[in-house]
C-alpha cells in the first residue's frame, strides 16, 4: 500500500492501483516525503472509486477487449463514465470503449 496525494486529496491505495490509475490522474506518492497522520480525512467525492471497483478495472484491462463479457463492458463503461447508450450490441459498445482508450 502507498499513500498518494493530489492537491488536498489523500488516499491509501495499492501500488498497482497507483501505477495503473492514479499516476495518470496526477497523483504522487507521498509516503516518506511528508508525514501524513491517521486523522487526515480522505476526500471521497463522487469520482472516487472503491478498491473493489479499481480492482475490477485493473482485472478487465489485463484482458484483450475482445474477450470482455457483456457484463464487463457495461460495468467498465459505467465506472469509467463512458457513454455507450444507443449501442445496438456489445461489439458497438466495445468499439466506443476502444476509441475512448485510444
N, C-alpha and C. Protein backbone atom coordinates (compact mmCIF):
# COMPACT_ATOMS: atom_id res chain seq x y z
N UNK A 1 0.84 -1.17 0.00
CA UNK A 1 0.00 0.00 0.00
C UNK A 1 0.89 1.24 0.00
N UNK A 2 0.43 2.27 -0.73
CA UNK A 2 1.15 3.54 -0.78
C UNK A 2 0.17 4.67 -0.48
N UNK A 3 0.71 5.74 0.09
CA UNK A 3 -0.08 6.93 0.35
C UNK A 3 0.17 7.89 -0.80
N UNK A 4 -0.91 8.38 -1.41
CA UNK A 4 -0.79 9.25 -2.56
C UNK A 4 -1.56 10.55 -2.32
N UNK A 5 -1.16 11.60 -3.06
CA UNK A 5 -1.79 12.90 -2.87
C UNK A 5 -1.91 13.62 -4.20
N UNK A 6 -3.03 14.33 -4.36
CA UNK A 6 -3.27 15.21 -5.49
C UNK A 6 -3.98 16.42 -4.92
N UNK A 7 -3.26 17.52 -4.73
CA UNK A 7 -3.86 18.67 -4.07
C UNK A 7 -4.15 18.32 -2.63
N UNK A 8 -5.41 18.49 -2.22
CA UNK A 8 -5.81 18.16 -0.85
C UNK A 8 -6.31 16.73 -0.71
N UNK A 9 -6.43 16.00 -1.83
CA UNK A 9 -6.93 14.63 -1.81
C UNK A 9 -5.81 13.67 -1.46
N UNK A 10 -6.00 12.91 -0.37
CA UNK A 10 -5.02 11.93 0.07
C UNK A 10 -5.72 10.59 0.15
N UNK A 11 -5.08 9.57 -0.43
CA UNK A 11 -5.64 8.22 -0.42
C UNK A 11 -4.54 7.22 -0.12
N UNK A 12 -4.93 6.08 0.42
CA UNK A 12 -4.03 4.94 0.58
C UNK A 12 -4.54 3.87 -0.37
N UNK A 13 -3.71 3.50 -1.36
CA UNK A 13 -4.12 2.56 -2.39
C UNK A 13 -3.02 1.52 -2.60
N UNK A 14 -3.34 0.48 -3.34
CA UNK A 14 -2.32 -0.50 -3.68
C UNK A 14 -1.35 0.12 -4.66
N UNK A 15 -0.14 -0.40 -4.69
CA UNK A 15 0.87 0.13 -5.61
C UNK A 15 0.43 -0.05 -7.06
N UNK A 16 -0.23 -1.17 -7.34
CA UNK A 16 -0.73 -1.42 -8.69
C UNK A 16 -1.79 -0.42 -9.11
N UNK A 17 -2.71 -0.09 -8.18
CA UNK A 17 -3.74 0.90 -8.48
C UNK A 17 -3.11 2.26 -8.75
N UNK A 18 -2.06 2.58 -7.96
CA UNK A 18 -1.38 3.86 -8.20
C UNK A 18 -0.77 3.87 -9.60
N UNK A 19 -0.04 2.83 -9.95
CA UNK A 19 0.65 2.80 -11.25
C UNK A 19 -0.33 2.82 -12.41
N UNK A 20 -1.42 2.08 -12.31
CA UNK A 20 -2.35 1.93 -13.43
C UNK A 20 -3.39 3.04 -13.53
N UNK A 21 -3.77 3.62 -12.40
CA UNK A 21 -4.87 4.59 -12.41
C UNK A 21 -4.44 5.97 -11.91
N UNK A 22 -4.00 6.02 -10.67
CA UNK A 22 -3.81 7.32 -10.02
C UNK A 22 -2.63 8.11 -10.55
N UNK A 23 -1.55 7.45 -10.97
CA UNK A 23 -0.41 8.20 -11.52
C UNK A 23 -0.83 8.96 -12.77
N UNK A 24 -1.76 8.38 -13.54
CA UNK A 24 -2.26 9.01 -14.76
C UNK A 24 -3.19 10.19 -14.45
N UNK A 25 -3.68 10.25 -13.21
CA UNK A 25 -4.57 11.33 -12.81
C UNK A 25 -3.83 12.43 -12.07
N UNK A 26 -2.49 12.35 -12.04
CA UNK A 26 -1.69 13.41 -11.43
C UNK A 26 -1.36 13.20 -9.96
N UNK A 27 -1.70 12.06 -9.40
CA UNK A 27 -1.37 11.79 -8.00
C UNK A 27 0.12 11.47 -7.89
N UNK A 28 0.69 11.78 -6.72
CA UNK A 28 2.09 11.47 -6.43
C UNK A 28 2.15 10.69 -5.13
N UNK A 29 3.13 9.79 -5.03
CA UNK A 29 3.34 9.04 -3.80
C UNK A 29 3.97 9.99 -2.79
N UNK A 30 3.40 10.02 -1.58
CA UNK A 30 3.95 10.90 -0.55
C UNK A 30 4.51 10.12 0.63
N UNK A 31 4.37 8.80 0.64
CA UNK A 31 4.95 8.01 1.72
C UNK A 31 6.44 8.29 1.78
N UNK A 32 6.91 8.76 2.92
CA UNK A 32 8.33 9.06 3.08
C UNK A 32 8.68 10.48 2.67
N UNK A 33 7.84 11.16 1.93
CA UNK A 33 8.11 12.53 1.52
C UNK A 33 7.64 13.52 2.57
N UNK A 34 6.50 13.23 3.19
CA UNK A 34 5.97 14.09 4.23
C UNK A 34 5.12 13.25 5.16
N UNK A 35 4.93 13.70 6.37
CA UNK A 35 4.14 12.97 7.34
C UNK A 35 2.66 13.11 7.03
N UNK A 36 1.96 12.01 7.11
CA UNK A 36 0.51 12.02 6.96
C UNK A 36 -0.05 11.33 8.19
N UNK A 37 -0.87 12.05 8.94
CA UNK A 37 -1.41 11.46 10.16
C UNK A 37 -2.61 10.58 9.82
N UNK A 38 -2.91 9.67 10.71
CA UNK A 38 -4.05 8.78 10.52
C UNK A 38 -5.34 9.58 10.53
N UNK A 39 -5.35 10.72 11.21
CA UNK A 39 -6.54 11.55 11.29
C UNK A 39 -6.80 12.34 10.01
N UNK A 40 -5.88 12.32 9.05
CA UNK A 40 -6.06 13.07 7.81
C UNK A 40 -7.31 12.56 7.11
N UNK A 41 -8.28 13.45 6.86
CA UNK A 41 -9.50 12.98 6.20
C UNK A 41 -9.24 12.59 4.75
N UNK A 42 -9.94 11.58 4.30
CA UNK A 42 -9.85 11.15 2.91
C UNK A 42 -11.06 11.71 2.18
N UNK A 43 -10.81 12.45 1.13
CA UNK A 43 -11.87 13.07 0.37
C UNK A 43 -12.50 12.03 -0.55
N UNK A 44 -13.71 11.59 -0.23
CA UNK A 44 -14.40 10.60 -1.05
C UNK A 44 -15.51 11.30 -1.83
N UNK A 45 -15.16 11.88 -2.96
CA UNK A 45 -16.16 12.58 -3.75
C UNK A 45 -16.83 11.60 -4.71
N UNK A 46 -17.70 12.11 -5.57
CA UNK A 46 -18.46 11.26 -6.49
C UNK A 46 -17.57 10.54 -7.49
N UNK A 47 -16.37 11.06 -7.76
CA UNK A 47 -15.48 10.46 -8.75
C UNK A 47 -14.59 9.38 -8.16
N UNK A 48 -14.56 9.25 -6.84
CA UNK A 48 -13.69 8.27 -6.20
C UNK A 48 -14.25 6.87 -6.40
N UNK A 49 -13.35 5.94 -6.67
CA UNK A 49 -13.75 4.54 -6.84
C UNK A 49 -13.36 3.75 -5.61
N UNK A 50 -14.14 2.75 -5.30
CA UNK A 50 -13.80 1.86 -4.20
C UNK A 50 -12.64 0.97 -4.65
N UNK A 51 -12.00 0.34 -3.70
CA UNK A 51 -10.90 -0.56 -4.02
C UNK A 51 -11.40 -1.71 -4.89
N UNK A 52 -12.62 -2.19 -4.62
CA UNK A 52 -13.21 -3.28 -5.41
C UNK A 52 -13.40 -2.84 -6.87
N UNK A 53 -13.87 -1.60 -7.06
CA UNK A 53 -14.07 -1.09 -8.42
C UNK A 53 -12.74 -0.92 -9.15
N UNK A 54 -11.70 -0.44 -8.44
CA UNK A 54 -10.39 -0.29 -9.06
C UNK A 54 -9.82 -1.65 -9.45
N UNK A 55 -10.00 -2.64 -8.57
CA UNK A 55 -9.52 -3.99 -8.87
C UNK A 55 -10.25 -4.56 -10.08
N UNK A 56 -11.56 -4.30 -10.18
CA UNK A 56 -12.32 -4.76 -11.34
C UNK A 56 -11.72 -4.17 -12.62
N UNK A 57 -11.50 -2.86 -12.62
CA UNK A 57 -10.96 -2.19 -13.81
C UNK A 57 -9.60 -2.76 -14.18
N UNK A 58 -8.73 -2.91 -13.19
CA UNK A 58 -7.40 -3.46 -13.47
C UNK A 58 -7.48 -4.88 -14.01
N UNK A 59 -8.39 -5.68 -13.45
CA UNK A 59 -8.55 -7.05 -13.91
C UNK A 59 -9.06 -7.13 -15.34
N UNK A 60 -10.03 -6.30 -15.67
CA UNK A 60 -10.59 -6.30 -17.03
C UNK A 60 -9.55 -5.81 -18.03
N UNK A 61 -8.80 -4.77 -17.65
CA UNK A 61 -7.82 -4.20 -18.57
C UNK A 61 -6.65 -5.14 -18.86
N UNK A 62 -6.50 -6.19 -18.06
CA UNK A 62 -5.44 -7.17 -18.30
C UNK A 62 -5.78 -8.06 -19.50
N UNK A 63 -7.07 -8.14 -19.84
CA UNK A 63 -7.51 -8.99 -20.96
C UNK A 63 -7.71 -8.14 -22.21
N UNK A 64 -7.58 -8.74 -23.38
CA UNK A 64 -7.94 -8.03 -24.60
C UNK A 64 -9.43 -7.70 -24.56
N UNK A 65 -9.80 -6.55 -25.08
CA UNK A 65 -11.21 -6.11 -25.04
C UNK A 65 -12.11 -7.10 -25.78
N UNK A 66 -11.56 -7.81 -26.74
CA UNK A 66 -12.36 -8.79 -27.48
C UNK A 66 -12.84 -9.93 -26.59
N UNK A 67 -12.19 -10.13 -25.44
CA UNK A 67 -12.56 -11.21 -24.52
C UNK A 67 -13.47 -10.74 -23.38
N UNK A 68 -13.81 -9.45 -23.36
CA UNK A 68 -14.66 -8.94 -22.29
C UNK A 68 -16.09 -9.43 -22.49
N UNK A 69 -16.74 -9.78 -21.41
CA UNK A 69 -18.15 -10.19 -21.46
C UNK A 69 -19.03 -8.95 -21.55
N UNK A 70 -20.29 -9.17 -21.86
CA UNK A 70 -21.25 -8.06 -21.93
C UNK A 70 -21.33 -7.34 -20.57
N UNK A 71 -21.34 -8.11 -19.50
CA UNK A 71 -21.40 -7.54 -18.15
C UNK A 71 -20.17 -6.70 -17.87
N UNK A 72 -18.99 -7.19 -18.25
CA UNK A 72 -17.75 -6.44 -18.04
C UNK A 72 -17.76 -5.14 -18.83
N UNK A 73 -18.25 -5.19 -20.05
CA UNK A 73 -18.31 -3.99 -20.90
C UNK A 73 -19.21 -2.94 -20.23
N UNK A 74 -20.38 -3.36 -19.77
CA UNK A 74 -21.32 -2.42 -19.15
C UNK A 74 -20.73 -1.82 -17.87
N UNK A 75 -20.16 -2.66 -17.02
CA UNK A 75 -19.62 -2.17 -15.75
C UNK A 75 -18.41 -1.27 -15.99
N UNK A 76 -17.54 -1.64 -16.91
CA UNK A 76 -16.36 -0.83 -17.22
C UNK A 76 -16.79 0.55 -17.72
N UNK A 77 -17.74 0.57 -18.63
CA UNK A 77 -18.23 1.84 -19.18
C UNK A 77 -18.84 2.70 -18.07
N UNK A 78 -19.58 2.08 -17.19
CA UNK A 78 -20.18 2.82 -16.08
C UNK A 78 -19.12 3.42 -15.17
N UNK A 79 -18.13 2.61 -14.78
CA UNK A 79 -17.09 3.09 -13.86
C UNK A 79 -16.21 4.15 -14.49
N UNK A 80 -15.93 4.02 -15.78
CA UNK A 80 -15.07 4.99 -16.48
C UNK A 80 -15.88 6.15 -17.06
N UNK A 81 -17.20 6.11 -16.84
CA UNK A 81 -18.11 7.15 -17.33
C UNK A 81 -18.02 7.32 -18.86
N UNK A 82 -18.07 6.17 -19.53
CA UNK A 82 -18.07 6.14 -20.99
C UNK A 82 -19.51 5.93 -21.43
N UNK A 83 -20.02 6.82 -22.25
CA UNK A 83 -21.41 6.74 -22.70
C UNK A 83 -21.55 5.71 -23.82
N UNK A 84 -22.20 4.60 -23.51
CA UNK A 84 -22.43 3.57 -24.52
C UNK A 84 -23.94 3.43 -24.81
N UNK A 85 -24.71 4.41 -24.38
CA UNK A 85 -26.14 4.37 -24.67
C UNK A 85 -26.36 4.46 -26.17
N UNK A 86 -27.34 3.77 -26.65
CA UNK A 86 -27.64 3.79 -28.07
C UNK A 86 -26.91 2.73 -28.87
N UNK A 87 -25.99 2.01 -28.23
CA UNK A 87 -25.31 0.94 -28.96
C UNK A 87 -26.28 -0.22 -29.12
N UNK A 88 -26.18 -0.90 -30.25
CA UNK A 88 -27.12 -1.98 -30.55
C UNK A 88 -26.65 -3.33 -30.07
N UNK A 89 -25.33 -3.46 -29.85
CA UNK A 89 -24.80 -4.73 -29.36
C UNK A 89 -23.48 -4.49 -28.64
N UNK A 90 -22.97 -5.55 -28.05
CA UNK A 90 -21.75 -5.43 -27.25
C UNK A 90 -20.55 -5.03 -28.10
N UNK A 91 -20.52 -5.42 -29.36
CA UNK A 91 -19.39 -5.05 -30.22
C UNK A 91 -19.35 -3.55 -30.50
N UNK A 92 -20.52 -2.94 -30.64
CA UNK A 92 -20.56 -1.48 -30.81
C UNK A 92 -20.06 -0.79 -29.54
N UNK A 93 -20.46 -1.31 -28.39
CA UNK A 93 -20.02 -0.74 -27.11
C UNK A 93 -18.51 -0.90 -26.97
N UNK A 94 -17.98 -2.06 -27.34
CA UNK A 94 -16.52 -2.29 -27.28
C UNK A 94 -15.78 -1.30 -28.19
N UNK A 95 -16.34 -1.00 -29.34
CA UNK A 95 -15.72 -0.05 -30.28
C UNK A 95 -15.63 1.34 -29.66
N UNK A 96 -16.67 1.75 -28.94
CA UNK A 96 -16.66 3.05 -28.27
C UNK A 96 -15.60 3.06 -27.17
N UNK A 97 -15.50 1.97 -26.41
CA UNK A 97 -14.51 1.88 -25.35
C UNK A 97 -13.10 1.91 -25.96
N UNK A 98 -12.89 1.18 -27.05
CA UNK A 98 -11.57 1.19 -27.71
C UNK A 98 -11.19 2.61 -28.12
N UNK A 99 -12.17 3.34 -28.67
CA UNK A 99 -11.91 4.71 -29.08
C UNK A 99 -11.57 5.58 -27.87
N UNK A 100 -12.26 5.38 -26.78
CA UNK A 100 -12.01 6.12 -25.55
C UNK A 100 -10.59 5.84 -25.04
N UNK A 101 -10.17 4.59 -25.11
CA UNK A 101 -8.86 4.20 -24.60
C UNK A 101 -7.72 4.63 -25.52
N UNK A 102 -8.08 4.96 -26.76
CA UNK A 102 -7.08 5.47 -27.70
C UNK A 102 -6.32 4.36 -28.29
